[in-house]
Amino acid sequence: MSKNSGFSPLIPSSLKGISQVILIENAVTGLFVLVAITLSSYLLGIVTLASALIGTWIARVCGANETTVKQGLFSFNSVLTGIALTLNLNGSNRWILALAGAAVTVLVTAALMYVMRNSGLPVLTFPYIILTWFILLAPYKLENMKLNPDLVPQNLSAWKLSETDVVDWKYGLIRGIGQVYFLDNVWCGILILFAIFWASRRLGLYAILGNFIAWLTAYGLGAEVELLNMGLYGYNAVLTIFAVEYYCGINHRSTLLMGIFGAMISVPITASVGTFLSPYGLPSLTMPFLLSTWLILSARKILTKLTVKNF
């Protein structure tokens, strides 16, 4: 059997694609995450695995670098697209649209890798964000595509913060980790945190730290308690502190400080992006993480003591 043939080699690469959402290359971690997603929703679990397999298979068949494919770097954006479209579209055909979106995400990922190859910045979740936003805007003009009723354009002039004032910080902190995969279930969040610790105790502690820093920052800035309790200010911070740790090198003395800074600035960026998108009824997705990480990685080009490894 040739190196690129057969179905079984797709499995570990696809599981790594699931774990690469949190910048971890570990098939076991991906399996734990898949279990957490499936416990939340069987349909979501099936779509997650199928999206990872589709992303990996298309990248391999179309001639992408084999090492990159095996690392799951061509499928994690497909995973996120599949999950996001399943949750944000409505109707009996939403899973078909979700898997089609997961397939197209591979092409968008390859295109953005090419376009950004000289920028010195990683594409991260940019392909998933852009494609998902475009697809979620299409139902306004395409009758056979239906949006989730929760995606309602907001009039900012009439916007009011939620009056909920009961802070549920324990569950809010756990949900902030699960929300990376759109999971609002505490037990699923705990399982994902376990999956992170399985790959790296350091990253597990970083996940807790980044989420806690974001929670404190958001609370101090007067964020909506309802959003705090749902963990919606935490997941971008977790991804940011992971990305800074990965691209800036764990041995550099300023890495942790930059990671903490990134987690903090992800909070006002989350609020700003959410406000900007409200009139269009679009979710922020991981755009705050993307902007926070790009800010830090770009700044190091001028602030030369912020040493960053090549990527």
Protein backbone atom coordinates (compact mmCIF):
# COMPACT_ATOMS: atom_id res chain seq x y z
CA MET A 1 0.00 0.00 0.00
CA SER A 2 1.37 3.40 -0.94
CA LYS A 3 2.12 6.08 1.57
CA ASN A 4 -0.86 8.23 0.60
CA SER A 5 -3.46 5.48 0.11
CA GLY A 6 -5.91 3.88 2.47
CA PHE A 7 -8.35 5.30 4.98
CA SER A 8 -6.66 4.45 8.28
CA PRO A 9 -3.76 6.97 7.91
CA LEU A 10 -6.37 9.72 7.77
CA ILE A 11 -7.55 9.02 11.30
CA PRO A 12 -4.52 10.20 13.34
CA SER A 13 -4.02 13.22 11.08
CA SER A 14 -7.70 14.10 11.38
CA LEU A 15 -7.64 13.78 15.17
CA LYS A 16 -4.62 16.07 15.19
CA GLY A 17 -6.67 18.49 13.11
CA ILE A 18 -9.24 18.56 15.91
CA SER A 19 -6.52 19.21 18.50
CA GLN A 20 -4.81 21.83 16.32
CA VAL A 21 -7.78 24.11 16.96
CA ILE A 22 -6.07 24.70 20.32
CA LEU A 23 -2.59 24.66 18.72
CA ILE A 24 -1.80 21.17 19.99
CA GLU A 25 -0.53 18.37 17.76
CA ASN A 26 -1.75 15.31 19.64
CA ALA A 27 -4.14 12.67 18.31
CA VAL A 28 -5.17 11.55 21.82
CA THR A 29 -6.03 15.12 22.77
CA GLY A 30 -8.07 15.34 19.58
CA LEU A 31 -9.89 12.14 20.52
CA PHE A 32 -10.77 13.49 23.98
CA VAL A 33 -12.04 16.71 22.41
CA LEU A 34 -14.11 14.73 19.92
CA VAL A 35 -15.67 12.77 22.81
CA ALA A 36 -16.50 16.04 24.59
CA ILE A 37 -18.15 17.44 21.47
CA THR A 38 -20.11 14.22 20.91
CA LEU A 39 -21.34 14.22 24.50
CA SER A 40 -22.70 17.69 23.85
CA SER A 41 -24.35 16.69 20.55
CA TYR A 42 -24.13 13.51 18.50
CA LEU A 43 -24.71 15.48 15.29
CA LEU A 44 -21.96 17.93 16.19
CA GLY A 45 -19.58 15.06 16.96
CA ILE A 46 -20.26 13.41 13.61
CA VAL A 47 -19.84 16.71 11.74
CA THR A 48 -16.59 17.41 13.63
CA LEU A 49 -15.01 14.08 12.70
CA ALA A 50 -16.32 14.24 9.13
CA SER A 51 -15.00 17.80 8.70
CA ALA A 52 -11.56 16.74 9.95
CA LEU A 53 -11.50 13.74 7.61
CA ILE A 54 -12.65 15.85 4.65
CA GLY A 55 -10.06 18.53 5.31
CA THR A 56 -7.25 16.00 5.67
CA TRP A 57 -8.28 13.96 2.64
CA ILE A 58 -8.68 16.91 0.27
CA ALA A 59 -5.33 18.41 1.30
CA ARG A 60 -3.59 15.06 0.79
CA VAL A 61 -5.22 14.27 -2.56
CA CYS A 62 -4.56 17.77 -3.88
CA GLY A 63 -0.85 17.55 -3.15
CA ALA A 64 -0.33 19.59 0.01
CA ASN A 65 2.88 19.12 1.93
CA GLU A 66 2.61 15.68 3.57
CA THR A 67 4.17 16.76 6.85
CA THR A 68 1.78 19.68 7.16
CA VAL A 69 -1.17 17.39 6.41
CA LYS A 70 -0.06 14.85 9.02
CA GLN A 71 0.22 17.61 11.60
CA GLY A 72 -3.44 18.47 11.07
CA LEU A 73 -2.69 21.98 9.88
CA PHE A 74 -4.95 21.68 6.84
CA SER A 75 -7.98 20.36 8.71
CA PHE A 76 -8.41 22.40 11.90
CA ASN A 77 -10.02 25.29 10.02
CA SER A 78 -12.35 22.76 8.37
CA VAL A 79 -13.29 21.46 11.81
CA LEU A 80 -14.19 24.93 13.04
CA THR A 81 -16.16 25.73 9.87
CA GLY A 82 -18.14 22.50 10.14
CA ILE A 83 -19.02 23.14 13.78
CA ALA A 84 -19.85 26.83 13.28
CA LEU A 85 -22.13 26.23 10.29
CA THR A 86 -23.92 23.36 12.00
CA LEU A 87 -24.73 25.59 14.95
CA ASN A 88 -25.47 28.82 13.08
CA LEU A 89 -27.50 27.49 10.16
CA ASN A 90 -30.98 26.03 10.34
CA GLY A 91 -32.96 23.49 8.37
CA SER A 92 -32.56 19.85 7.40
CA ASN A 93 -29.74 20.63 4.94
CA ARG A 94 -27.49 22.42 7.42
CA TRP A 95 -25.18 19.44 7.91
CA ILE A 96 -24.69 19.18 4.14
CA LEU A 97 -23.82 22.88 3.98
CA ALA A 98 -21.52 22.46 6.97
CA LEU A 99 -19.55 19.64 5.32
CA ALA A 100 -19.43 21.51 2.02
CA GLY A 101 -18.07 24.51 3.92
CA ALA A 102 -15.47 22.27 5.58
CA ALA A 103 -14.32 21.14 2.12
CA VAL A 104 -14.09 24.66 0.70
CA THR A 105 -12.17 25.78 3.78
CA VAL A 106 -9.21 23.69 2.60
CA LEU A 107 -9.01 25.77 -0.58
CA VAL A 108 -9.33 29.01 1.38
CA THR A 109 -6.61 27.84 3.77
CA ALA A 110 -4.24 27.03 0.89
CA ALA A 111 -5.00 30.35 -0.81
CA LEU A 112 -4.36 32.39 2.33
CA MET A 113 -1.17 30.47 3.06
CA TYR A 114 0.04 31.54 -0.38
CA VAL A 115 -1.13 35.15 -0.09
CA MET A 116 0.36 35.58 3.39
CA ARG A 117 3.56 33.62 2.78
CA ASN A 118 5.73 36.77 2.86
CA SER A 119 3.91 38.53 5.68
CA GLY A 120 5.67 36.71 8.50
CA LEU A 121 2.31 35.90 10.06
CA PRO A 122 0.56 32.52 10.39
CA VAL A 123 -2.94 32.22 8.92
CA LEU A 124 -4.25 30.65 12.15
CA THR A 125 -8.08 30.59 12.02
CA PHE A 126 -8.42 33.31 9.37
CA PRO A 127 -9.70 30.92 6.64
CA TYR A 128 -12.48 29.63 8.87
CA ILE A 129 -13.53 33.10 10.00
CA ILE A 130 -13.75 34.62 6.52
CA LEU A 131 -15.54 31.68 4.90
CA THR A 132 -18.01 31.25 7.78
CA TRP A 133 -18.95 34.94 7.72
CA PHE A 134 -19.53 34.85 3.96
CA ILE A 135 -21.69 31.73 4.21
CA LEU A 136 -23.74 33.17 7.09
CA LEU A 137 -24.48 36.28 5.03
CA ALA A 138 -25.64 34.26 2.02
CA PRO A 139 -29.07 33.21 3.44
CA TYR A 140 -30.28 36.81 3.18
CA LYS A 141 -30.21 36.32 -0.61
CA LEU A 142 -30.55 32.53 -0.97
CA GLU A 143 -33.93 31.08 -0.02
CA ASN A 144 -32.78 27.49 0.56
CA MET A 145 -30.23 28.52 3.17
CA LYS A 146 -31.69 29.25 6.59
CA LEU A 147 -30.04 31.05 9.50
CA ASN A 148 -30.34 30.07 13.13
CA PRO A 149 -32.99 32.40 14.61
CA ASP A 150 -30.47 33.51 17.25
CA LEU A 151 -28.47 35.34 14.57
CA VAL A 152 -30.51 38.51 14.55
CA PRO A 153 -29.05 41.85 13.37
CA GLN A 154 -28.99 44.32 16.26
CA ASN A 155 -29.76 48.03 16.27
CA LEU A 156 -26.88 49.52 18.23
CA SER A 157 -28.81 52.68 19.06
CA ALA A 158 -31.26 50.57 21.06
CA TRP A 159 -28.68 48.23 22.54
CA LYS A 160 -28.85 47.57 26.26
CA LEU A 161 -26.58 45.44 28.41
CA SER A 162 -28.12 42.44 30.13
CA GLU A 163 -29.33 43.17 33.64
CA THR A 164 -28.22 39.78 34.95
CA ASP A 165 -25.98 40.43 37.96
CA VAL A 166 -25.39 36.97 39.48
CA VAL A 167 -21.78 36.12 38.74
CA ASP A 168 -21.20 32.40 38.22
CA TRP A 169 -17.42 32.58 38.05
CA LYS A 170 -16.73 28.87 38.64
CA TYR A 171 -18.80 27.69 35.71
CA GLY A 172 -17.89 30.75 33.69
CA LEU A 173 -14.20 29.90 33.85
CA ILE A 174 -14.78 26.31 32.73
CA ARG A 175 -17.12 27.35 29.95
CA GLY A 176 -14.45 29.74 28.68
CA ILE A 177 -12.35 26.71 27.75
CA GLY A 178 -15.20 24.71 26.23
CA GLN A 179 -16.32 27.68 24.14
CA VAL A 180 -13.24 27.23 21.95
CA TYR A 181 -15.35 24.46 20.38
CA PHE A 182 -18.68 26.29 20.93
CA LEU A 183 -19.48 24.09 23.95
CA ASP A 184 -21.54 25.67 26.72
CA ASN A 185 -21.50 22.54 28.88
CA VAL A 186 -19.41 22.55 32.06
CA TRP A 187 -18.56 18.84 31.91
CA CYS A 188 -17.51 19.12 28.28
CA GLY A 189 -15.29 22.05 29.26
CA ILE A 190 -13.68 19.96 32.00
CA LEU A 191 -13.02 17.14 29.53
CA ILE A 192 -11.39 19.55 27.08
CA LEU A 193 -9.23 20.96 29.89
CA PHE A 194 -8.22 17.37 30.72
CA ALA A 195 -7.36 16.85 27.04
CA ILE A 196 -5.09 19.90 27.16
CA PHE A 197 -3.36 18.66 30.31
CA TRP A 198 -2.91 15.28 28.63
CA ALA A 199 -0.80 16.93 25.93
CA SER A 200 1.03 19.37 28.20
CA ARG A 201 0.73 20.34 31.87
CA ARG A 202 2.20 23.72 30.98
CA LEU A 203 -0.52 24.37 28.40
CA GLY A 204 -3.15 23.20 30.86
CA LEU A 205 -1.94 25.80 33.35
CA TYR A 206 -1.78 28.40 30.58
CA ALA A 207 -5.40 27.63 29.67
CA ILE A 208 -6.49 28.24 33.24
CA LEU A 209 -4.32 31.36 33.54
CA GLY A 210 -5.43 32.90 30.23
CA ASN A 211 -9.08 32.27 30.98
CA PHE A 212 -8.76 33.68 34.51
CA ILE A 213 -6.92 36.80 33.32
CA ALA A 214 -9.58 37.43 30.67
CA TRP A 215 -12.37 36.89 33.20
CA LEU A 216 -10.85 39.40 35.64
CA THR A 217 -10.22 41.91 32.86
CA ALA A 218 -13.74 41.61 31.49
CA TYR A 219 -15.29 41.84 34.95
CA GLY A 220 -13.15 44.87 35.79
CA LEU A 221 -14.20 46.59 32.57
CA GLY A 222 -17.87 45.99 33.31
CA ALA A 223 -18.65 43.25 30.81
CA GLU A 224 -22.11 41.74 30.67
CA VAL A 225 -22.33 39.16 33.45
CA GLU A 226 -24.39 36.89 31.21
CA LEU A 227 -21.54 36.74 28.68
CA LEU A 228 -19.02 36.20 31.48
CA ASN A 229 -21.06 33.30 32.81
CA MET A 230 -21.20 31.77 29.33
CA GLY A 231 -17.41 31.97 28.98
CA LEU A 232 -17.58 34.13 25.87
CA TYR A 233 -14.74 36.41 27.00
CA GLY A 234 -12.42 33.53 27.82
CA TYR A 235 -11.94 31.31 24.80
CA ASN A 236 -10.17 33.91 22.65
CA ALA A 237 -7.81 34.61 25.56
CA VAL A 238 -7.00 30.91 25.90
CA LEU A 239 -6.17 30.66 22.20
CA THR A 240 -4.10 33.85 22.35
CA ILE A 241 -1.92 32.75 25.25
CA PHE A 242 -1.40 29.39 23.50
CA ALA A 243 -0.39 31.07 20.24
CA VAL A 244 2.01 33.47 21.93
CA GLU A 245 3.61 30.57 23.79
CA TYR A 246 3.96 28.62 20.53
CA TYR A 247 5.33 31.36 18.29
CA CYS A 248 7.43 33.23 20.83
CA GLY A 249 9.17 30.18 22.29
CA ILE A 250 8.70 28.81 25.80
CA ASN A 251 12.23 29.67 26.91
CA HIS A 252 12.05 33.37 26.20
CA ARG A 253 11.73 35.35 29.42
CA SER A 254 9.03 37.67 28.08
CA THR A 255 6.79 34.97 26.60
CA LEU A 256 4.51 34.57 29.60
CA LEU A 257 4.16 38.33 30.02
CA MET A 258 3.28 38.72 26.36
CA GLY A 259 0.79 35.89 26.68
CA ILE A 260 -0.87 37.55 29.66
CA PHE A 261 -0.96 40.85 27.78
CA GLY A 262 -2.50 39.09 24.80
CA ALA A 263 -5.17 37.52 27.01
CA MET A 264 -5.98 40.94 28.48
CA ILE A 265 -6.26 42.81 25.19
CA SER A 266 -8.42 40.05 23.72
CA VAL A 267 -11.20 41.27 26.05
CA PRO A 268 -11.74 44.79 24.65
CA ILE A 269 -11.11 43.42 21.17
CA THR A 270 -13.84 40.82 21.77
CA ALA A 271 -16.23 43.58 22.83
CA SER A 272 -15.29 45.76 19.85
CA VAL A 273 -15.59 43.00 17.25
CA GLY A 274 -18.92 41.93 18.74
CA THR A 275 -20.20 45.50 18.50
CA PHE A 276 -18.96 45.88 14.92
CA LEU A 277 -20.68 42.68 13.80
CA SER A 278 -23.96 43.16 15.69
CA PRO A 279 -25.71 45.08 12.87
CA TYR A 280 -24.97 42.14 10.56
CA GLY A 281 -26.04 39.45 13.03
CA LEU A 282 -22.68 37.71 12.73
CA PRO A 283 -20.81 35.93 15.56
CA SER A 284 -17.31 37.11 16.50
CA LEU A 285 -15.91 33.56 16.18
CA THR A 286 -12.14 33.65 16.83
CA MET A 287 -11.45 37.04 15.24
CA PRO A 288 -10.45 38.60 18.62
CA PHE A 289 -7.86 35.84 19.06
CA LEU A 290 -6.58 36.40 15.53
CA LEU A 291 -6.22 40.16 15.98
CA SER A 292 -4.62 39.86 19.43
CA THR A 293 -2.08 37.31 18.21
CA TRP A 294 -1.26 39.16 14.98
CA LEU A 295 -0.76 42.35 17.01
CA ILE A 296 1.86 40.74 19.23
CA LEU A 297 3.62 38.83 16.44
CA SER A 298 3.74 41.95 14.24
CA ALA A 299 4.98 44.22 17.03
CA ARG A 300 8.05 42.05 17.51
CA LYS A 301 9.30 43.11 14.06
CA ILE A 302 9.95 46.59 15.49
CA LEU A 303 10.34 45.72 19.17
CA THR A 304 13.28 43.44 18.49
CA LYS A 305 13.72 42.20 22.05
CA LEU A 306 10.40 40.37 21.70
CA THR A 307 12.22 37.43 20.12
CA VAL A 308 9.93 35.17 18.13
CA LYS A 309 10.94 31.91 16.55
CA ASN A 310 10.54 31.46 12.82
CA PHE A 311 7.35 29.82 11.58
